[in-house]
Amino acid sequence: MKKPHKHAELIKAWADGAIIQAKSGGGGWYDLKIDLENAFEYRIKPEPKPDFYGFMKIDKWKFFQVIASSNWMEITKDQEPEHNLKITFDGETGKPKSAEVLK
């Protein structure tokens, strides 16, 4: 689990309707006006999608079997000799990022 934000309890209390106060230096406490309702839309940032891989065999400019995988280790030893090209795709965009010739 990630380490909680240093103001996690304060943020949760604000979300439950508490009035949050602040002070700066030697000044007194004052109520903060936090308005998340009207200015923008908000969300929790999604976790990035992992890259995924495609494996294929190219022989005399003909394409053969393609296997898509999110993890290189999912390809069994029986399948490895069948493929001579590994293409890495960006998990967010689905576009190719790199290609590796397998021996």
C-alpha atoms as a PDB file:
ATOM      1  CA  MET A   1       0.000   0.000   0.000  1.00  0.00           C
ATOM      2  CA  LYS A   2       1.182   3.505  -0.761  1.00  0.00           C
ATOM      3  CA  LYS A   3       2.126   5.822   2.099  1.00  0.00           C
ATOM      4  CA  PRO A   4      -0.849   8.075   2.963  1.00  0.00           C
ATOM      5  CA  HIS A   5      -0.596  11.786   2.187  1.00  0.00           C
ATOM      6  CA  LYS A   6       0.502  13.817   5.229  1.00  0.00           C
ATOM      7  CA  HIS A   7      -2.878  15.599   5.216  1.00  0.00           C
ATOM      8  CA  ALA A   8      -4.969  12.480   4.480  1.00  0.00           C
ATOM      9  CA  GLU A   9      -7.122  12.790   7.621  1.00  0.00           C
ATOM     10  CA  LEU A  10      -7.737  16.490   6.974  1.00  0.00           C
ATOM     11  CA  ILE A  11      -8.675  15.830   3.335  1.00  0.00           C
ATOM     12  CA  LYS A  12     -11.075  13.035   4.343  1.00  0.00           C
ATOM     13  CA  ALA A  13     -12.654  15.279   6.987  1.00  0.00           C
ATOM     14  CA  TRP A  14     -13.121  18.035   4.367  1.00  0.00           C
ATOM     15  CA  ALA A  15     -14.760  15.507   2.024  1.00  0.00           C
ATOM     16  CA  ASP A  16     -17.158  14.626   4.851  1.00  0.00           C
ATOM     17  CA  GLY A  17     -18.135  18.301   5.292  1.00  0.00           C
ATOM     18  CA  ALA A  18     -15.656  19.654   7.878  1.00  0.00           C
ATOM     19  CA  ILE A  19     -14.505  23.272   7.593  1.00  0.00           C
ATOM     20  CA  ILE A  20     -10.745  23.374   7.114  1.00  0.00           C
ATOM     21  CA  GLN A  21      -8.662  26.155   8.614  1.00  0.00           C
ATOM     22  CA  ALA A  22      -5.121  27.308   7.869  1.00  0.00           C
ATOM     23  CA  LYS A  23      -2.599  29.761   9.253  1.00  0.00           C
ATOM     24  CA  SER A  24       0.590  31.199   7.883  1.00  0.00           C
ATOM     25  CA  GLY A  25       3.576  32.022  10.053  1.00  0.00           C
ATOM     26  CA  GLY A  26       2.516  33.896  13.202  1.00  0.00           C
ATOM     27  CA  GLY A  27      -0.923  34.857  11.871  1.00  0.00           C
ATOM     28  CA  GLY A  28      -4.224  33.567  13.131  1.00  0.00           C
ATOM     29  CA  TRP A  29      -6.342  30.721  11.851  1.00  0.00           C
ATOM     30  CA  TYR A  30      -8.770  31.376   8.993  1.00  0.00           C
ATOM     31  CA  ASP A  31     -11.340  29.248   7.167  1.00  0.00           C
ATOM     32  CA  LEU A  32     -10.288  27.969   3.752  1.00  0.00           C
ATOM     33  CA  LYS A  33     -12.750  28.166   0.901  1.00  0.00           C
ATOM     34  CA  ILE A  34     -12.149  25.061  -1.163  1.00  0.00           C
ATOM     35  CA  ASP A  35     -14.499  24.859  -4.140  1.00  0.00           C
ATOM     36  CA  LEU A  36     -14.056  21.690  -6.141  1.00  0.00           C
ATOM     37  CA  GLU A  37     -17.657  21.592  -7.273  1.00  0.00           C
ATOM     38  CA  ASN A  38     -17.822  24.449  -9.776  1.00  0.00           C
ATOM     39  CA  ALA A  39     -14.428  25.086 -11.352  1.00  0.00           C
ATOM     40  CA  PHE A  40     -13.457  21.838 -13.089  1.00  0.00           C
ATOM     41  CA  GLU A  41     -14.194  18.160 -13.340  1.00  0.00           C
ATOM     42  CA  TYR A  42     -12.003  15.953 -11.155  1.00  0.00           C
ATOM     43  CA  ARG A  43     -11.019  12.307 -11.076  1.00  0.00           C
ATOM     44  CA  ILE A  44      -8.527   9.944  -9.542  1.00  0.00           C
ATOM     45  CA  LYS A  45      -5.663   9.499 -11.973  1.00  0.00           C
ATOM     46  CA  PRO A  46      -5.924   6.019 -13.491  1.00  0.00           C
ATOM     47  CA  GLU A  47      -3.023   3.611 -13.237  1.00  0.00           C
ATOM     48  CA  PRO A  48      -1.094   3.447 -16.514  1.00  0.00           C
ATOM     49  CA  LYS A  49      -1.931   0.497 -18.724  1.00  0.00           C
ATOM     50  CA  PRO A  50       1.017  -1.884 -19.086  1.00  0.00           C
ATOM     51  CA  ASP A  51       2.731  -2.374 -22.420  1.00  0.00           C
ATOM     52  CA  PHE A  52       1.842  -5.544 -24.279  1.00  0.00           C
ATOM     53  CA  TYR A  53       3.701  -7.664 -26.787  1.00  0.00           C
ATOM     54  CA  GLY A  54       3.017  -9.362 -30.073  1.00  0.00           C
ATOM     55  CA  PHE A  55       5.069 -12.286 -31.333  1.00  0.00           C
ATOM     56  CA  MET A  56       5.208 -13.423 -34.933  1.00  0.00           C
ATOM     57  CA  LYS A  57       7.250 -15.394 -37.365  1.00  0.00           C
ATOM     58  CA  ILE A  58       8.342 -13.795 -40.602  1.00  0.00           C
ATOM     59  CA  ASP A  59       9.634 -16.120 -43.296  1.00  0.00           C
ATOM     60  CA  LYS A  60      10.291 -14.964 -46.857  1.00  0.00           C
ATOM     61  CA  TRP A  61       8.107 -11.882 -46.293  1.00  0.00           C
ATOM     62  CA  LYS A  62       5.115 -13.941 -45.226  1.00  0.00           C
ATOM     63  CA  PHE A  63       3.551 -13.371 -41.847  1.00  0.00           C
ATOM     64  CA  PHE A  64       2.623 -16.332 -39.725  1.00  0.00           C
ATOM     65  CA  GLN A  65       1.052 -16.838 -36.312  1.00  0.00           C
ATOM     66  CA  VAL A  66       0.744 -13.777 -34.087  1.00  0.00           C
ATOM     67  CA  ILE A  67       0.427 -14.151 -30.327  1.00  0.00           C
ATOM     68  CA  ALA A  68      -0.417 -11.121 -28.193  1.00  0.00           C
ATOM     69  CA  SER A  69       0.756 -11.150 -24.610  1.00  0.00           C
ATOM     70  CA  SER A  70       1.085  -8.686 -21.753  1.00  0.00           C
ATOM     71  CA  ASN A  71       4.044 -10.616 -20.396  1.00  0.00           C
ATOM     72  CA  TRP A  72       6.963 -12.203 -22.252  1.00  0.00           C
ATOM     73  CA  MET A  73       7.010 -15.032 -19.706  1.00  0.00           C
ATOM     74  CA  GLU A  74       3.514 -16.128 -20.782  1.00  0.00           C
ATOM     75  CA  ILE A  75       4.998 -17.501 -23.993  1.00  0.00           C
ATOM     76  CA  THR A  76       5.955 -21.095 -23.334  1.00  0.00           C
ATOM     77  CA  LYS A  77       9.271 -22.638 -24.312  1.00  0.00           C
ATOM     78  CA  ASP A  78       7.398 -24.686 -26.936  1.00  0.00           C
ATOM     79  CA  GLN A  79       6.262 -21.490 -28.654  1.00  0.00           C
ATOM     80  CA  GLU A  80       9.540 -19.544 -28.565  1.00  0.00           C
ATOM     81  CA  PRO A  81      11.207 -21.232 -31.576  1.00  0.00           C
ATOM     82  CA  GLU A  82       8.121 -20.505 -33.693  1.00  0.00           C
ATOM     83  CA  HIS A  83       8.556 -16.741 -33.433  1.00  0.00           C
ATOM     84  CA  ASN A  84      11.396 -14.591 -34.629  1.00  0.00           C
ATOM     85  CA  LEU A  85       9.977 -11.115 -33.975  1.00  0.00           C
ATOM     86  CA  LYS A  86       8.731  -9.480 -30.769  1.00  0.00           C
ATOM     87  CA  ILE A  87       6.840  -6.180 -31.084  1.00  0.00           C
ATOM     88  CA  THR A  88       6.230  -4.056 -27.987  1.00  0.00           C
ATOM     89  CA  PHE A  89       3.071  -1.933 -28.017  1.00  0.00           C
ATOM     90  CA  ASP A  90       2.350   1.071 -25.798  1.00  0.00           C
ATOM     91  CA  GLY A  91      -0.319   0.099 -23.263  1.00  0.00           C
ATOM     92  CA  GLU A  92      -1.950   3.538 -23.409  1.00  0.00           C
ATOM     93  CA  THR A  93      -2.040   4.183 -27.158  1.00  0.00           C
ATOM     94  CA  GLY A  94      -1.800   0.667 -28.598  1.00  0.00           C
ATOM     95  CA  LYS A  95       0.859   1.907 -31.020  1.00  0.00           C
ATOM     96  CA  PRO A  96       4.103  -0.015 -31.613  1.00  0.00           C
ATOM     97  CA  LYS A  97       7.030   1.184 -29.483  1.00  0.00           C
ATOM     98  CA  SER A  98       9.778  -1.196 -30.515  1.00  0.00           C
ATOM     99  CA  ALA A  99      10.561  -4.406 -32.365  1.00  0.00           C
ATOM    100  CA  GLU A 100      13.124  -7.028 -31.451  1.00  0.00           C
ATOM    101  CA  VAL A 101      14.447  -9.786 -33.671  1.00  0.00           C
ATOM    102  CA  LEU A 102      14.497 -13.056 -31.719  1.00  0.00           C
ATOM    103  CA  LYS A 103      17.069 -15.729 -32.413  1.00  0.00           C
END
